[in-house]
Amino acid sequence: MKIRCLLTASCVFIVLAGGARADEDSEFIEQDFLFQFEEAYTQEKGETQIGGKFDHGFGPSSSVFEFEIEYGITDRIEVSVEAPIVVGPGPAGTGDIEFGVDYALTMDNGSVPALTIGFGASAPTGNEDAGRGVDAWSYETSLRASKRITDNFYGHAMGAYEWTPNGGADADMLSAWAFGVGAALRTTDKLTLIAEYLREAEREKEAGMVERETEAFLSAGAIVELNKFVSIGVAGAAGVSDESADARALAKMQIEW
């Protein structure tokens, strides 16, 4: 199950990458492309971003295609919709569709980081029996921070919490949390290198017993800006906890205008 939210998130880690975009009204450049979690920069008023991501797990784990659209209602308020398609180990099909709204509490202006609070809901559109959903509405909250440390270095942090009030059809999914940090380095105007760490934990009920499972992944990747509208990137992620699944390959494309 995809985890996106909690309410901790703090300052910056060091950024080692950046598919960056230039603000036409200023010289500030945002680094708004990550592989494992969302950064804090929101879309500007009237700006649209479309993203496609492929997350392939080696071994018995499933692969996921994710399609997302984000739109800036104002410079601080952003709405989004994300639809996953899960492939394996069972039959392929649509997962739970997520709806979100983000509000930028602060903007990255040199003295303070961009700090964004997010709220979301996942509709039970996926087939629980096939392992593509929880058959109940889930809700999430998150806090994300992003900061340009120097002209070429950025840091990101995220905390998120997700809960399913009714636990799904079999009352088996109770809650989940996530914490992530990332660093990005713009080596050239076109190339950015990124390192991320994401830790996710789920609290579930199986056979009447409450169980906890924690996964942690460390990833490294690169982003290429094809032009001012389109960026593409690839990354590899390795599990760094005993309960982590096999290694993962990540690919992502982002288009904004």
C-alpha atoms as a PDB file:
ATOM      1  CA  MET A   1       0.000   0.000   0.000  1.00  0.00           C
ATOM      2  CA  LYS A   2       1.305   3.359  -0.895  1.00  0.00           C
ATOM      3  CA  ILE A   3       2.202   5.600   2.006  1.00  0.00           C
ATOM      4  CA  ARG A   4       2.410   9.254   1.665  1.00  0.00           C
ATOM      5  CA  CYS A   5       1.908  11.250   4.903  1.00  0.00           C
ATOM      6  CA  LEU A   6       2.710  12.272   8.674  1.00  0.00           C
ATOM      7  CA  LEU A   7       3.231  15.444  10.542  1.00  0.00           C
ATOM      8  CA  THR A   8       6.896  15.727  11.128  1.00  0.00           C
ATOM      9  CA  ALA A   9       9.260  17.063   8.588  1.00  0.00           C
ATOM     10  CA  SER A  10      11.982  19.390   9.169  1.00  0.00           C
ATOM     11  CA  CYS A  11      14.791  21.226   7.781  1.00  0.00           C
ATOM     12  CA  VAL A  12      17.032  20.209   5.112  1.00  0.00           C
ATOM     13  CA  PHE A  13      19.463  17.453   4.447  1.00  0.00           C
ATOM     14  CA  ILE A  14      21.961  18.340   1.696  1.00  0.00           C
ATOM     15  CA  VAL A  15      20.735  18.329  -1.867  1.00  0.00           C
ATOM     16  CA  LEU A  16      22.666  16.424  -4.403  1.00  0.00           C
ATOM     17  CA  ALA A  17      20.556  16.947  -7.472  1.00  0.00           C
ATOM     18  CA  GLY A  18      18.033  18.959  -9.215  1.00  0.00           C
ATOM     19  CA  GLY A  19      15.719  18.932 -12.183  1.00  0.00           C
ATOM     20  CA  ALA A  20      15.238  22.584 -11.531  1.00  0.00           C
ATOM     21  CA  ARG A  21      12.897  25.079 -12.999  1.00  0.00           C
ATOM     22  CA  ALA A  22      13.319  28.815 -13.257  1.00  0.00           C
ATOM     23  CA  ASP A  23      10.716  31.185 -11.951  1.00  0.00           C
ATOM     24  CA  GLU A  24      10.020  33.684 -14.708  1.00  0.00           C
ATOM     25  CA  ASP A  25       9.390  36.441 -12.175  1.00  0.00           C
ATOM     26  CA  SER A  26      12.684  35.974 -10.301  1.00  0.00           C
ATOM     27  CA  GLU A  27      16.038  34.278 -10.440  1.00  0.00           C
ATOM     28  CA  PHE A  28      15.036  31.647  -7.920  1.00  0.00           C
ATOM     29  CA  ILE A  29      15.276  28.068  -9.190  1.00  0.00           C
ATOM     30  CA  GLU A  30      13.266  25.286  -7.581  1.00  0.00           C
ATOM     31  CA  GLN A  31      14.285  21.624  -7.441  1.00  0.00           C
ATOM     32  CA  ASP A  32      10.904  19.923  -7.731  1.00  0.00           C
ATOM     33  CA  PHE A  33      11.678  16.401  -8.942  1.00  0.00           C
ATOM     34  CA  LEU A  34      12.145  13.514  -6.483  1.00  0.00           C
ATOM     35  CA  PHE A  35      11.709   9.761  -6.892  1.00  0.00           C
ATOM     36  CA  GLN A  36      10.525   8.408  -3.518  1.00  0.00           C
ATOM     37  CA  PHE A  37       8.468  11.236  -2.034  1.00  0.00           C
ATOM     38  CA  GLU A  38       7.056  14.699  -2.782  1.00  0.00           C
ATOM     39  CA  GLU A  39       9.038  17.904  -2.284  1.00  0.00           C
ATOM     40  CA  ALA A  40       7.519  21.018  -0.637  1.00  0.00           C
ATOM     41  CA  TYR A  41       7.377  23.304  -3.688  1.00  0.00           C
ATOM     42  CA  THR A  42       3.793  23.856  -4.888  1.00  0.00           C
ATOM     43  CA  GLN A  43       2.673  24.724  -8.407  1.00  0.00           C
ATOM     44  CA  GLU A  44       2.264  28.421  -9.151  1.00  0.00           C
ATOM     45  CA  LYS A  45      -1.183  29.874  -9.871  1.00  0.00           C
ATOM     46  CA  GLY A  46      -2.491  28.479 -13.168  1.00  0.00           C
ATOM     47  CA  GLU A  47       0.464  26.102 -13.562  1.00  0.00           C
ATOM     48  CA  THR A  48      -0.119  22.432 -14.429  1.00  0.00           C
ATOM     49  CA  GLN A  49       2.227  19.512 -13.916  1.00  0.00           C
ATOM     50  CA  ILE A  50       1.728  15.996 -15.259  1.00  0.00           C
ATOM     51  CA  GLY A  51       3.904  13.152 -14.048  1.00  0.00           C
ATOM     52  CA  GLY A  52       4.364   9.501 -14.860  1.00  0.00           C
ATOM     53  CA  LYS A  53       6.402   7.120 -12.701  1.00  0.00           C
ATOM     54  CA  PHE A  54       7.369   3.457 -12.981  1.00  0.00           C
ATOM     55  CA  ASP A  55       8.432   1.629  -9.808  1.00  0.00           C
ATOM     56  CA  HIS A  56       9.638  -1.926 -10.458  1.00  0.00           C
ATOM     57  CA  GLY A  57      10.398  -4.244  -7.561  1.00  0.00           C
ATOM     58  CA  PHE A  58      12.769  -7.152  -8.227  1.00  0.00           C
ATOM     59  CA  GLY A  59      11.750 -10.555  -6.889  1.00  0.00           C
ATOM     60  CA  PRO A  60       8.158 -11.421  -5.905  1.00  0.00           C
ATOM     61  CA  SER A  61       7.092  -7.804  -5.255  1.00  0.00           C
ATOM     62  CA  SER A  62       4.785  -5.927  -7.617  1.00  0.00           C
ATOM     63  CA  SER A  63       5.501  -3.114 -10.066  1.00  0.00           C
ATOM     64  CA  VAL A  64       3.495   0.111 -10.122  1.00  0.00           C
ATOM     65  CA  PHE A  65       2.774   2.703 -12.809  1.00  0.00           C
ATOM     66  CA  GLU A  66       1.668   6.010 -11.279  1.00  0.00           C
ATOM     67  CA  PHE A  67       0.057   8.882 -13.170  1.00  0.00           C
ATOM     68  CA  GLU A  68      -0.395  12.224 -11.412  1.00  0.00           C
ATOM     69  CA  ILE A  69      -1.665  15.677 -12.286  1.00  0.00           C
ATOM     70  CA  GLU A  70      -1.099  18.766 -10.127  1.00  0.00           C
ATOM     71  CA  TYR A  71      -2.618  22.222 -10.585  1.00  0.00           C
ATOM     72  CA  GLY A  72      -1.949  25.508  -8.830  1.00  0.00           C
ATOM     73  CA  ILE A  73      -5.160  27.181  -7.626  1.00  0.00           C
ATOM     74  CA  THR A  74      -3.038  29.989  -6.186  1.00  0.00           C
ATOM     75  CA  ASP A  75       0.718  30.318  -5.619  1.00  0.00           C
ATOM     76  CA  ARG A  76       0.188  28.577  -2.269  1.00  0.00           C
ATOM     77  CA  ILE A  77      -2.705  26.148  -2.896  1.00  0.00           C
ATOM     78  CA  GLU A  78      -2.267  23.096  -5.096  1.00  0.00           C
ATOM     79  CA  VAL A  79      -4.646  20.220  -5.878  1.00  0.00           C
ATOM     80  CA  SER A  80      -3.665  16.818  -7.251  1.00  0.00           C
ATOM     81  CA  VAL A  81      -5.006  13.452  -8.413  1.00  0.00           C
ATOM     82  CA  GLU A  82      -2.912  10.278  -8.591  1.00  0.00           C
ATOM     83  CA  ALA A  83      -3.935   6.992 -10.201  1.00  0.00           C
ATOM     84  CA  PRO A  84      -1.756   3.874  -9.783  1.00  0.00           C
ATOM     85  CA  ILE A  85      -1.780   0.763 -11.955  1.00  0.00           C
ATOM     86  CA  VAL A  86      -0.409  -2.285 -10.123  1.00  0.00           C
ATOM     87  CA  VAL A  87       1.242  -5.136 -12.053  1.00  0.00           C
ATOM     88  CA  GLY A  88       1.852  -8.436 -10.221  1.00  0.00           C
ATOM     89  CA  PRO A  89       2.195 -10.592  -8.339  1.00  0.00           C
ATOM     90  CA  GLY A  90      -1.572 -10.932  -8.967  1.00  0.00           C
ATOM     91  CA  PRO A  91      -3.594  -9.694 -11.982  1.00  0.00           C
ATOM     92  CA  ALA A  92      -2.792  -6.163 -13.150  1.00  0.00           C
ATOM     93  CA  GLY A  93      -5.313  -3.403 -12.493  1.00  0.00           C
ATOM     94  CA  THR A  94      -6.013   0.027 -11.046  1.00  0.00           C
ATOM     95  CA  GLY A  95      -5.133   0.663  -7.420  1.00  0.00           C
ATOM     96  CA  ASP A  96      -6.721   3.131  -4.994  1.00  0.00           C
ATOM     97  CA  ILE A  97      -6.982   6.609  -6.568  1.00  0.00           C
ATOM     98  CA  GLU A  98      -5.656   9.433  -4.385  1.00  0.00           C
ATOM     99  CA  PHE A  99      -6.896  13.028  -4.165  1.00  0.00           C
ATOM    100  CA  GLY A 100      -4.857  15.720  -2.446  1.00  0.00           C
ATOM    101  CA  VAL A 101      -4.665  19.394  -1.566  1.00  0.00           C
ATOM    102  CA  ASP A 102      -1.481  21.155  -0.399  1.00  0.00           C
ATOM    103  CA  TYR A 103      -0.980  24.541   1.226  1.00  0.00           C
ATOM    104  CA  ALA A 104       2.394  26.304   1.323  1.00  0.00           C
ATOM    105  CA  LEU A 105       2.845  27.680   4.845  1.00  0.00           C
ATOM    106  CA  THR A 106       6.113  29.406   3.881  1.00  0.00           C
ATOM    107  CA  MET A 107       8.022  29.943   0.659  1.00  0.00           C
ATOM    108  CA  ASP A 108      11.714  29.246   0.125  1.00  0.00           C
ATOM    109  CA  ASN A 109      13.069  32.802   0.191  1.00  0.00           C
ATOM    110  CA  GLY A 110      16.646  32.327   1.345  1.00  0.00           C
ATOM    111  CA  SER A 111      16.079  32.694   5.077  1.00  0.00           C
ATOM    112  CA  VAL A 112      13.349  30.079   5.584  1.00  0.00           C
ATOM    113  CA  PRO A 113      12.587  26.831   3.733  1.00  0.00           C
ATOM    114  CA  ALA A 114       9.460  26.093   1.757  1.00  0.00           C
ATOM    115  CA  LEU A 115       7.133  24.402   4.241  1.00  0.00           C
ATOM    116  CA  THR A 116       3.962  22.738   2.926  1.00  0.00           C
ATOM    117  CA  ILE A 117       1.172  20.916   4.705  1.00  0.00           C
ATOM    118  CA  GLY A 118      -0.830  18.374   2.729  1.00  0.00           C
ATOM    119  CA  PHE A 119      -4.113  16.531   3.136  1.00  0.00           C
ATOM    120  CA  GLY A 120      -5.311  13.610   1.027  1.00  0.00           C
ATOM    121  CA  ALA A 121      -7.810  10.799   0.663  1.00  0.00           C
ATOM    122  CA  SER A 122      -7.620   7.470  -1.176  1.00  0.00           C
ATOM    123  CA  ALA A 123     -10.811   6.108  -2.724  1.00  0.00           C
ATOM    124  CA  PRO A 124     -11.387   2.308  -2.585  1.00  0.00           C
ATOM    125  CA  THR A 125     -11.092   1.826  -6.355  1.00  0.00           C
ATOM    126  CA  GLY A 126      -8.571  -1.033  -6.205  1.00  0.00           C
ATOM    127  CA  ASN A 127      -9.344  -4.721  -5.828  1.00  0.00           C
ATOM    128  CA  GLU A 128      -8.358  -5.754  -2.292  1.00  0.00           C
ATOM    129  CA  ASP A 129      -8.444  -9.483  -3.083  1.00  0.00           C
ATOM    130  CA  ALA A 130      -5.862  -8.898  -5.830  1.00  0.00           C
ATOM    131  CA  GLY A 131      -3.662  -6.853  -3.482  1.00  0.00           C
ATOM    132  CA  ARG A 132      -4.343  -3.511  -5.171  1.00  0.00           C
ATOM    133  CA  GLY A 133      -6.280  -1.696  -2.419  1.00  0.00           C
ATOM    134  CA  VAL A 134      -7.746  -1.811   1.097  1.00  0.00           C
ATOM    135  CA  ASP A 135     -11.469  -1.690   0.202  1.00  0.00           C
ATOM    136  CA  ALA A 136     -12.052   1.420   2.352  1.00  0.00           C
ATOM    137  CA  TRP A 137     -11.391   5.150   2.317  1.00  0.00           C
ATOM    138  CA  SER A 138      -7.982   6.110   3.696  1.00  0.00           C
ATOM    139  CA  TYR A 139      -6.906   9.567   4.837  1.00  0.00           C
ATOM    140  CA  GLU A 140      -3.511  11.147   5.146  1.00  0.00           C
ATOM    141  CA  THR A 141      -1.706  14.241   6.333  1.00  0.00           C
ATOM    142  CA  SER A 142       1.854  15.329   5.637  1.00  0.00           C
ATOM    143  CA  LEU A 143       4.382  18.069   6.285  1.00  0.00           C
ATOM    144  CA  ARG A 144       7.178  18.672   3.763  1.00  0.00           C
ATOM    145  CA  ALA A 145      10.183  21.019   3.751  1.00  0.00           C
ATOM    146  CA  SER A 146      12.463  22.037   0.873  1.00  0.00           C
ATOM    147  CA  LYS A 147      15.359  24.499   0.862  1.00  0.00           C
ATOM    148  CA  ARG A 148      17.874  25.806  -1.626  1.00  0.00           C
ATOM    149  CA  ILE A 149      21.099  25.815   0.382  1.00  0.00           C
ATOM    150  CA  THR A 150      23.354  27.205  -2.340  1.00  0.00           C
ATOM    151  CA  ASP A 151      22.805  27.916  -6.035  1.00  0.00           C
ATOM    152  CA  ASN A 152      23.299  24.204  -6.822  1.00  0.00           C
ATOM    153  CA  PHE A 153      22.429  22.375  -3.570  1.00  0.00           C
ATOM    154  CA  TYR A 154      18.962  21.595  -2.207  1.00  0.00           C
ATOM    155  CA  GLY A 155      17.614  19.679   0.759  1.00  0.00           C
ATOM    156  CA  HIS A 156      14.226  18.038   1.312  1.00  0.00           C
ATOM    157  CA  ALA A 157      12.443  16.405   4.246  1.00  0.00           C
ATOM    158  CA  MET A 158       9.023  14.809   4.640  1.00  0.00           C
ATOM    159  CA  GLY A 159       6.885  13.289   7.375  1.00  0.00           C
ATOM    160  CA  ALA A 160       3.527  11.631   6.694  1.00  0.00           C
ATOM    161  CA  TYR A 161       0.770   9.688   8.413  1.00  0.00           C
ATOM    162  CA  GLU A 162      -2.055   7.649   6.849  1.00  0.00           C
ATOM    163  CA  TRP A 163      -4.950   5.898   8.513  1.00  0.00           C
ATOM    164  CA  THR A 164      -7.904   3.759   7.466  1.00  0.00           C
ATOM    165  CA  PRO A 165     -10.752   4.352   9.969  1.00  0.00           C
ATOM    166  CA  ASN A 166     -12.572   1.087   9.254  1.00  0.00           C
ATOM    167  CA  GLY A 167      -9.493  -0.946   8.400  1.00  0.00           C
ATOM    168  CA  GLY A 168     -10.894  -2.101   5.079  1.00  0.00           C
ATOM    169  CA  ALA A 169     -13.268  -4.969   4.484  1.00  0.00           C
ATOM    170  CA  ASP A 170     -11.394  -7.308   6.833  1.00  0.00           C
ATOM    171  CA  ALA A 171     -10.274  -4.587   9.270  1.00  0.00           C
ATOM    172  CA  ASP A 172      -6.666  -5.475   8.456  1.00  0.00           C
ATOM    173  CA  MET A 173      -5.146  -2.081   7.579  1.00  0.00           C
ATOM    174  CA  LEU A 174      -4.942   0.254  10.576  1.00  0.00           C
ATOM    175  CA  SER A 175      -2.333   2.961  10.007  1.00  0.00           C
ATOM    176  CA  ALA A 176       0.961   3.781   8.325  1.00  0.00           C
ATOM    177  CA  TRP A 177       3.634   6.441   8.617  1.00  0.00           C
ATOM    178  CA  ALA A 178       6.602   7.576   6.559  1.00  0.00           C
ATOM    179  CA  PHE A 179       9.669   9.769   6.953  1.00  0.00           C
ATOM    180  CA  GLY A 180      12.067  10.802   4.212  1.00  0.00           C
ATOM    181  CA  VAL A 181      15.049  13.055   3.543  1.00  0.00           C
ATOM    182  CA  GLY A 182      16.677  13.916   0.263  1.00  0.00           C
ATOM    183  CA  ALA A 183      19.582  15.842  -1.227  1.00  0.00           C
ATOM    184  CA  ALA A 184      20.029  17.207  -4.744  1.00  0.00           C
ATOM    185  CA  LEU A 185      23.002  18.632  -6.645  1.00  0.00           C
ATOM    186  CA  ARG A 186      22.706  20.456  -9.962  1.00  0.00           C
ATOM    187  CA  THR A 187      25.928  19.516 -11.709  1.00  0.00           C
ATOM    188  CA  THR A 188      24.961  21.430 -14.879  1.00  0.00           C
ATOM    189  CA  ASP A 189      21.929  23.370 -16.113  1.00  0.00           C
ATOM    190  CA  LYS A 190      20.571  20.107 -17.523  1.00  0.00           C
ATOM    191  CA  LEU A 191      21.757  17.386 -15.105  1.00  0.00           C
ATOM    192  CA  THR A 192      20.845  16.833 -11.446  1.00  0.00           C
ATOM    193  CA  LEU A 193      21.960  14.048  -9.096  1.00  0.00           C
ATOM    194  CA  ILE A 194      19.644  12.957  -6.290  1.00  0.00           C
ATOM    195  CA  ALA A 195      19.989  10.856  -3.124  1.00  0.00           C
ATOM    196  CA  GLU A 196      16.947   9.953  -0.997  1.00  0.00           C
ATOM    197  CA  TYR A 197      16.168   7.939   2.116  1.00  0.00           C
ATOM    198  CA  LEU A 198      12.588   6.826   2.828  1.00  0.00           C
ATOM    199  CA  ARG A 199      11.387   4.855   5.853  1.00  0.00           C
ATOM    200  CA  GLU A 200       7.827   3.485   5.896  1.00  0.00           C
ATOM    201  CA  ALA A 201       5.981   1.571   8.620  1.00  0.00           C
ATOM    202  CA  GLU A 202       2.578  -0.126   8.561  1.00  0.00           C
ATOM    203  CA  ARG A 203       0.413  -1.301  11.429  1.00  0.00           C
ATOM    204  CA  GLU A 204      -1.881  -4.132  10.333  1.00  0.00           C
ATOM    205  CA  LYS A 205      -4.127  -6.758  11.841  1.00  0.00           C
ATOM    206  CA  GLU A 206      -3.780 -10.368  10.756  1.00  0.00           C
ATOM    207  CA  ALA A 207      -5.686 -13.268  12.289  1.00  0.00           C
ATOM    208  CA  GLY A 208      -6.761 -10.978  15.112  1.00  0.00           C
ATOM    209  CA  MET A 209      -3.172  -9.999  15.936  1.00  0.00           C
ATOM    210  CA  VAL A 210      -1.763  -6.502  15.384  1.00  0.00           C
ATOM    211  CA  GLU A 211       1.513  -6.624  13.472  1.00  0.00           C
ATOM    212  CA  ARG A 212       3.995  -3.939  12.458  1.00  0.00           C
ATOM    213  CA  GLU A 213       6.222  -3.935   9.400  1.00  0.00           C
ATOM    214  CA  THR A 214       8.908  -1.386   8.553  1.00  0.00           C
ATOM    215  CA  GLU A 215      10.722  -0.871   5.261  1.00  0.00           C
ATOM    216  CA  ALA A 216      13.543   1.559   4.496  1.00  0.00           C
ATOM    217  CA  PHE A 217      15.043   2.352   1.093  1.00  0.00           C
ATOM    218  CA  LEU A 218      18.085   4.355   0.052  1.00  0.00           C
ATOM    219  CA  SER A 219      18.041   5.549  -3.551  1.00  0.00           C
ATOM    220  CA  ALA A 220      20.376   7.342  -5.958  1.00  0.00           C
ATOM    221  CA  GLY A 221      19.445   8.709  -9.346  1.00  0.00           C
ATOM    222  CA  ALA A 222      19.862  11.341 -12.025  1.00  0.00           C
ATOM    223  CA  ILE A 223      17.507  13.792 -13.724  1.00  0.00           C
ATOM    224  CA  VAL A 224      17.895  15.325 -17.172  1.00  0.00           C
ATOM    225  CA  GLU A 225      16.031  18.472 -18.239  1.00  0.00           C
ATOM    226  CA  LEU A 226      15.169  17.982 -21.916  1.00  0.00           C
ATOM    227  CA  ASN A 227      13.827  21.533 -22.093  1.00  0.00           C
ATOM    228  CA  LYS A 228      12.125  24.012 -19.753  1.00  0.00           C
ATOM    229  CA  PHE A 229       8.927  21.926 -19.820  1.00  0.00           C
ATOM    230  CA  VAL A 230      10.064  18.281 -19.719  1.00  0.00           C
ATOM    231  CA  SER A 231      12.352  16.397 -17.300  1.00  0.00           C
ATOM    232  CA  ILE A 232      13.098  12.674 -17.127  1.00  0.00           C
ATOM    233  CA  GLY A 233      14.996  10.636 -14.557  1.00  0.00           C
ATOM    234  CA  VAL A 234      16.052   7.156 -13.472  1.00  0.00           C
ATOM    235  CA  ALA A 235      17.116   5.843 -10.071  1.00  0.00           C
ATOM    236  CA  GLY A 236      17.872   2.655  -8.185  1.00  0.00           C
ATOM    237  CA  ALA A 237      16.735   1.930  -4.617  1.00  0.00           C
ATOM    238  CA  ALA A 238      18.111  -0.660  -2.195  1.00  0.00           C
ATOM    239  CA  GLY A 239      16.443  -1.916   0.965  1.00  0.00           C
ATOM    240  CA  VAL A 240      18.390  -0.998   4.116  1.00  0.00           C
ATOM    241  CA  SER A 241      16.245  -2.697   6.761  1.00  0.00           C
ATOM    242  CA  ASP A 242      15.637  -6.370   7.549  1.00  0.00           C
ATOM    243  CA  GLU A 243      11.985  -6.142   6.491  1.00  0.00           C
ATOM    244  CA  SER A 244      12.611  -4.235   3.258  1.00  0.00           C
ATOM    245  CA  ALA A 245      11.572  -5.802  -0.013  1.00  0.00           C
ATOM    246  CA  ASP A 246      13.987  -6.449  -2.857  1.00  0.00           C
ATOM    247  CA  ALA A 247      15.814  -3.690  -4.720  1.00  0.00           C
ATOM    248  CA  ARG A 248      13.744  -1.373  -6.909  1.00  0.00           C
ATOM    249  CA  ALA A 249      14.253   0.412 -10.225  1.00  0.00           C
ATOM    250  CA  LEU A 250      12.555   3.806 -10.644  1.00  0.00           C
ATOM    251  CA  ALA A 251      11.868   5.867 -13.776  1.00  0.00           C
ATOM    252  CA  LYS A 252       9.952   9.143 -13.934  1.00  0.00           C
ATOM    253  CA  MET A 253       8.883  11.813 -16.424  1.00  0.00           C
ATOM    254  CA  GLN A 254       7.570  15.247 -15.496  1.00  0.00           C
ATOM    255  CA  ILE A 255       5.931  17.819 -17.769  1.00  0.00           C
ATOM    256  CA  GLU A 256       4.819  21.269 -16.614  1.00  0.00           C
ATOM    257  CA  TRP A 257       3.525  24.415 -18.208  1.00  0.00           C
END
